[in-house]
């Protein structure tokens, strides 16, 4: 048996063990979707932090997912059907949790890219993008030419574009 076959067998064994554990914990029968979501969360979390016990992380994440789905289903059956006009006024425009998570990931990535800029370039870039100052205002505040401000902004934009490639 080669290494690939051993890894595949170990993966199937782990999946089956986690599946049984999750069924025992939650009583849910449709655990595969929850396990898949848990694996995705684990990989995303590993990109930022060390995970000491991946199996425990997977079980907890999958159990939380199953519990959230159960609560959603219970809430939907408990609510009486609404007429369409009332439903439109109650629509929730808040982003979904995965959208919030993805936005936070992108924001962390942008912060990391900005932190890599040289201090003066970063200062000028943030004055323009966050404070909304125009080039001539930045130049006047810092006592430099407008051309220097333009060069710093261009340098920051180029560095951030390079940094953002591939995500």
C-alpha atoms as a PDB file:
ATOM      1  CA  UNK A   1       0.000   0.000   0.000  1.00  0.00           C
ATOM      2  CA  UNK A   2       1.576   3.300  -1.082  1.00  0.00           C
ATOM      3  CA  UNK A   3       1.479   6.547   0.954  1.00  0.00           C
ATOM      4  CA  UNK A   4      -1.421   7.994  -1.075  1.00  0.00           C
ATOM      5  CA  UNK A   5      -3.561   4.940  -0.330  1.00  0.00           C
ATOM      6  CA  UNK A   6      -2.621   5.089   3.362  1.00  0.00           C
ATOM      7  CA  UNK A   7      -3.544   8.781   3.514  1.00  0.00           C
ATOM      8  CA  UNK A   8      -6.871   8.124   1.770  1.00  0.00           C
ATOM      9  CA  UNK A   9      -7.674   5.300   4.188  1.00  0.00           C
ATOM     10  CA  UNK A  10      -6.732   7.466   7.196  1.00  0.00           C
ATOM     11  CA  UNK A  11      -8.886  10.280   5.837  1.00  0.00           C
ATOM     12  CA  UNK A  12     -11.909   8.000   5.373  1.00  0.00           C
ATOM     13  CA  UNK A  13     -11.378   6.538   8.847  1.00  0.00           C
ATOM     14  CA  UNK A  14     -11.175  10.014  10.402  1.00  0.00           C
ATOM     15  CA  UNK A  15     -14.315  11.122   8.512  1.00  0.00           C
ATOM     16  CA  UNK A  16     -16.245   8.040   9.678  1.00  0.00           C
ATOM     17  CA  UNK A  17     -15.108   8.520  13.294  1.00  0.00           C
ATOM     18  CA  UNK A  18     -16.048  12.215  13.256  1.00  0.00           C
ATOM     19  CA  UNK A  19     -19.368  11.389  11.617  1.00  0.00           C
ATOM     20  CA  UNK A  20     -20.252   8.847  14.344  1.00  0.00           C
ATOM     21  CA  UNK A  21     -19.198  11.269  17.065  1.00  0.00           C
ATOM     22  CA  UNK A  22     -21.301  14.074  15.614  1.00  0.00           C
ATOM     23  CA  UNK A  23     -24.377  11.847  15.236  1.00  0.00           C
ATOM     24  CA  UNK A  24     -23.940  10.804  18.866  1.00  0.00           C
ATOM     25  CA  UNK A  25     -23.552  14.430  20.009  1.00  0.00           C
ATOM     26  CA  UNK A  26     -26.329  16.041  17.989  1.00  0.00           C
ATOM     27  CA  UNK A  27     -28.645  13.251  16.928  1.00  0.00           C
ATOM     28  CA  UNK A  28     -28.546  14.746  13.432  1.00  0.00           C
ATOM     29  CA  UNK A  29     -28.394  12.378  10.498  1.00  0.00           C
ATOM     30  CA  UNK A  30     -27.249  14.878   7.860  1.00  0.00           C
ATOM     31  CA  UNK A  31     -23.819  15.468   9.384  1.00  0.00           C
ATOM     32  CA  UNK A  32     -21.715  15.417   6.190  1.00  0.00           C
ATOM     33  CA  UNK A  33     -22.512  19.042   5.347  1.00  0.00           C
ATOM     34  CA  UNK A  34     -21.645  20.105   8.878  1.00  0.00           C
ATOM     35  CA  UNK A  35     -18.360  18.197   8.768  1.00  0.00           C
ATOM     36  CA  UNK A  36     -17.470  19.751   5.439  1.00  0.00           C
ATOM     37  CA  UNK A  37     -18.163  23.227   6.836  1.00  0.00           C
ATOM     38  CA  UNK A  38     -16.055  22.373   9.892  1.00  0.00           C
ATOM     39  CA  UNK A  39     -13.116  21.328   7.695  1.00  0.00           C
ATOM     40  CA  UNK A  40     -13.391  24.626   5.825  1.00  0.00           C
ATOM     41  CA  UNK A  41     -13.394  26.560   9.119  1.00  0.00           C
ATOM     42  CA  UNK A  42     -10.387  24.582  10.323  1.00  0.00           C
ATOM     43  CA  UNK A  43      -8.369  25.440   7.222  1.00  0.00           C
ATOM     44  CA  UNK A  44      -9.301  29.108   7.454  1.00  0.00           C
ATOM     45  CA  UNK A  45      -8.445  29.195  11.156  1.00  0.00           C
ATOM     46  CA  UNK A  46      -5.110  27.404  10.559  1.00  0.00           C
ATOM     47  CA  UNK A  47      -4.112  30.221   8.224  1.00  0.00           C
ATOM     48  CA  UNK A  48      -4.152  32.576  11.244  1.00  0.00           C
ATOM     49  CA  UNK A  49      -3.582  30.437  14.323  1.00  0.00           C
ATOM     50  CA  UNK A  50      -2.096  27.135  15.402  1.00  0.00           C
ATOM     51  CA  UNK A  51      -4.668  24.420  16.138  1.00  0.00           C
ATOM     52  CA  UNK A  52      -3.528  22.099  18.914  1.00  0.00           C
ATOM     53  CA  UNK A  53      -6.254  19.499  18.522  1.00  0.00           C
ATOM     54  CA  UNK A  54      -7.698  19.549  14.991  1.00  0.00           C
ATOM     55  CA  UNK A  55     -10.077  16.655  15.669  1.00  0.00           C
ATOM     56  CA  UNK A  56     -11.651  18.395  18.662  1.00  0.00           C
ATOM     57  CA  UNK A  57     -11.874  21.615  16.641  1.00  0.00           C
ATOM     58  CA  UNK A  58     -13.701  19.742  13.858  1.00  0.00           C
ATOM     59  CA  UNK A  59     -16.161  18.092  16.242  1.00  0.00           C
ATOM     60  CA  UNK A  60     -16.965  21.380  18.001  1.00  0.00           C
ATOM     61  CA  UNK A  61     -17.321  23.341  14.746  1.00  0.00           C
ATOM     62  CA  UNK A  62     -19.530  20.670  13.178  1.00  0.00           C
ATOM     63  CA  UNK A  63     -21.673  20.377  16.329  1.00  0.00           C
ATOM     64  CA  UNK A  64     -22.103  24.163  16.404  1.00  0.00           C
ATOM     65  CA  UNK A  65     -23.128  24.113  12.750  1.00  0.00           C
ATOM     66  CA  UNK A  66     -25.704  21.377  13.413  1.00  0.00           C
ATOM     67  CA  UNK A  67     -27.019  23.253  16.438  1.00  0.00           C
ATOM     68  CA  UNK A  68     -27.327  26.493  14.459  1.00  0.00           C
ATOM     69  CA  UNK A  69     -29.269  24.679  11.724  1.00  0.00           C
ATOM     70  CA  UNK A  70     -31.557  23.052  14.289  1.00  0.00           C
ATOM     71  CA  UNK A  71     -32.285  26.437  15.878  1.00  0.00           C
ATOM     72  CA  UNK A  72     -32.966  27.988  12.468  1.00  0.00           C
ATOM     73  CA  UNK A  73     -35.374  25.194  11.548  1.00  0.00           C
ATOM     74  CA  UNK A  74     -37.162  25.420  14.898  1.00  0.00           C
ATOM     75  CA  UNK A  75     -37.489  29.185  14.578  1.00  0.00           C
ATOM     76  CA  UNK A  76     -38.884  28.901  11.041  1.00  0.00           C
ATOM     77  CA  UNK A  77     -41.564  26.419  12.065  1.00  0.00           C
ATOM     78  CA  UNK A  78     -42.490  28.481  15.125  1.00  0.00           C
ATOM     79  CA  UNK A  79     -43.155  31.620  13.097  1.00  0.00           C
ATOM     80  CA  UNK A  80     -46.546  31.917  11.444  1.00  0.00           C
ATOM     81  CA  UNK A  81     -46.505  32.515   7.704  1.00  0.00           C
ATOM     82  CA  UNK A  82     -46.336  36.206   6.831  1.00  0.00           C
ATOM     83  CA  UNK A  83     -48.066  38.015   4.062  1.00  0.00           C
ATOM     84  CA  UNK A  84     -45.670  39.244   1.371  1.00  0.00           C
ATOM     85  CA  UNK A  85     -46.010  42.937   2.226  1.00  0.00           C
ATOM     86  CA  UNK A  86     -45.115  42.375   5.864  1.00  0.00           C
ATOM     87  CA  UNK A  87     -42.263  40.023   4.945  1.00  0.00           C
ATOM     88  CA  UNK A  88     -40.704  42.742   2.778  1.00  0.00           C
ATOM     89  CA  UNK A  89     -40.727  45.203   5.667  1.00  0.00           C
ATOM     90  CA  UNK A  90     -39.047  42.637   7.949  1.00  0.00           C
ATOM     91  CA  UNK A  91     -36.320  41.626   5.508  1.00  0.00           C
ATOM     92  CA  UNK A  92     -32.905  41.405   7.116  1.00  0.00           C
ATOM     93  CA  UNK A  93     -30.324  43.230   5.046  1.00  0.00           C
ATOM     94  CA  UNK A  94     -27.476  42.247   7.369  1.00  0.00           C
ATOM     95  CA  UNK A  95     -24.723  40.194   5.719  1.00  0.00           C
ATOM     96  CA  UNK A  96     -24.551  36.458   6.322  1.00  0.00           C
ATOM     97  CA  UNK A  97     -21.958  35.115   8.765  1.00  0.00           C
ATOM     98  CA  UNK A  98     -19.754  33.694   6.018  1.00  0.00           C
ATOM     99  CA  UNK A  99     -19.831  37.049   4.230  1.00  0.00           C
ATOM    100  CA  UNK A 100     -18.773  38.804   7.440  1.00  0.00           C
ATOM    101  CA  UNK A 101     -16.004  36.248   7.923  1.00  0.00           C
ATOM    102  CA  UNK A 102     -14.765  36.680   4.338  1.00  0.00           C
ATOM    103  CA  UNK A 103     -14.823  40.468   4.696  1.00  0.00           C
ATOM    104  CA  UNK A 104     -12.807  40.233   7.912  1.00  0.00           C
ATOM    105  CA  UNK A 105     -10.290  37.992   6.164  1.00  0.00           C
ATOM    106  CA  UNK A 106      -9.944  40.540   3.335  1.00  0.00           C
ATOM    107  CA  UNK A 107      -9.616  43.393   5.834  1.00  0.00           C
ATOM    108  CA  UNK A 108      -6.882  41.546   7.726  1.00  0.00           C
ATOM    109  CA  UNK A 109      -5.087  40.972   4.416  1.00  0.00           C
ATOM    110  CA  UNK A 110      -5.376  44.673   3.493  1.00  0.00           C
ATOM    111  CA  UNK A 111      -4.074  45.697   6.928  1.00  0.00           C
ATOM    112  CA  UNK A 112      -1.125  43.380   6.482  1.00  0.00           C
ATOM    113  CA  UNK A 113      -0.373  44.888   3.066  1.00  0.00           C
ATOM    114  CA  UNK A 114      -0.613  48.441   4.401  1.00  0.00           C
ATOM    115  CA  UNK A 115       1.664  47.545   7.316  1.00  0.00           C
ATOM    116  CA  UNK A 116       4.337  46.490   4.797  1.00  0.00           C
ATOM    117  CA  UNK A 117       4.444  49.952   3.211  1.00  0.00           C
ATOM    118  CA  UNK A 118       7.289  52.277   4.158  1.00  0.00           C
ATOM    119  CA  UNK A 119       6.181  54.531   7.063  1.00  0.00           C
ATOM    120  CA  UNK A 120       6.007  57.789   5.086  1.00  0.00           C
ATOM    121  CA  UNK A 121       4.178  56.142   2.159  1.00  0.00           C
ATOM    122  CA  UNK A 122       1.753  54.476   4.580  1.00  0.00           C
ATOM    123  CA  UNK A 123       1.097  57.799   6.354  1.00  0.00           C
ATOM    124  CA  UNK A 124       0.352  59.609   3.086  1.00  0.00           C
ATOM    125  CA  UNK A 125      -1.749  56.750   1.720  1.00  0.00           C
ATOM    126  CA  UNK A 126      -3.879  56.642   4.892  1.00  0.00           C
ATOM    127  CA  UNK A 127      -4.282  60.421   4.958  1.00  0.00           C
ATOM    128  CA  UNK A 128      -5.683  60.217   1.449  1.00  0.00           C
ATOM    129  CA  UNK A 129      -7.789  57.031   1.740  1.00  0.00           C
ATOM    130  CA  UNK A 130      -8.991  57.185   5.342  1.00  0.00           C
ATOM    131  CA  UNK A 131      -8.986  60.889   6.132  1.00  0.00           C
ATOM    132  CA  UNK A 132     -10.182  61.814   2.638  1.00  0.00           C
ATOM    133  CA  UNK A 133      -7.567  64.526   2.184  1.00  0.00           C
ATOM    134  CA  UNK A 134      -6.739  65.749  -1.295  1.00  0.00           C
ATOM    135  CA  UNK A 135      -3.160  65.639  -2.553  1.00  0.00           C
ATOM    136  CA  UNK A 136      -2.618  69.370  -2.132  1.00  0.00           C
ATOM    137  CA  UNK A 137      -3.948  69.223   1.454  1.00  0.00           C
ATOM    138  CA  UNK A 138      -1.558  66.410   2.342  1.00  0.00           C
ATOM    139  CA  UNK A 139       1.323  68.294   0.732  1.00  0.00           C
ATOM    140  CA  UNK A 140       0.516  71.423   2.746  1.00  0.00           C
ATOM    141  CA  UNK A 141       0.213  69.499   6.040  1.00  0.00           C
ATOM    142  CA  UNK A 142       3.475  67.616   5.548  1.00  0.00           C
ATOM    143  CA  UNK A 143       5.425  70.443   3.936  1.00  0.00           C
ATOM    144  CA  UNK A 144       6.203  68.494   0.768  1.00  0.00           C
ATOM    145  CA  UNK A 145       5.328  68.971  -2.877  1.00  0.00           C
ATOM    146  CA  UNK A 146       2.106  67.700  -4.393  1.00  0.00           C
ATOM    147  CA  UNK A 147       4.270  65.701  -6.807  1.00  0.00           C
ATOM    148  CA  UNK A 148       5.863  63.876  -3.856  1.00  0.00           C
ATOM    149  CA  UNK A 149       2.411  63.047  -2.517  1.00  0.00           C
ATOM    150  CA  UNK A 150       1.384  61.682  -5.924  1.00  0.00           C
ATOM    151  CA  UNK A 151       4.511  59.514  -6.034  1.00  0.00           C
ATOM    152  CA  UNK A 152       3.830  58.102  -2.546  1.00  0.00           C
ATOM    153  CA  UNK A 153       0.217  57.319  -3.462  1.00  0.00           C
ATOM    154  CA  UNK A 154       1.330  55.630  -6.696  1.00  0.00           C
ATOM    155  CA  UNK A 155       3.990  53.668  -4.801  1.00  0.00           C
ATOM    156  CA  UNK A 156       1.398  52.512  -2.251  1.00  0.00           C
ATOM    157  CA  UNK A 157      -1.125  51.559  -4.933  1.00  0.00           C
ATOM    158  CA  UNK A 158       1.492  49.567  -6.838  1.00  0.00           C
ATOM    159  CA  UNK A 159       2.754  47.799  -3.695  1.00  0.00           C
ATOM    160  CA  UNK A 160      -0.783  46.919  -2.581  1.00  0.00           C
ATOM    161  CA  UNK A 161      -1.736  45.677  -6.043  1.00  0.00           C
ATOM    162  CA  UNK A 162       1.310  43.401  -6.031  1.00  0.00           C
ATOM    163  CA  UNK A 163       0.499  42.278  -2.486  1.00  0.00           C
ATOM    164  CA  UNK A 164      -3.111  41.508  -3.434  1.00  0.00           C
ATOM    165  CA  UNK A 165      -2.256  39.304  -6.437  1.00  0.00           C
ATOM    166  CA  UNK A 166      -3.679  35.848  -6.039  1.00  0.00           C
ATOM    167  CA  UNK A 167      -6.405  36.442  -3.477  1.00  0.00           C
END
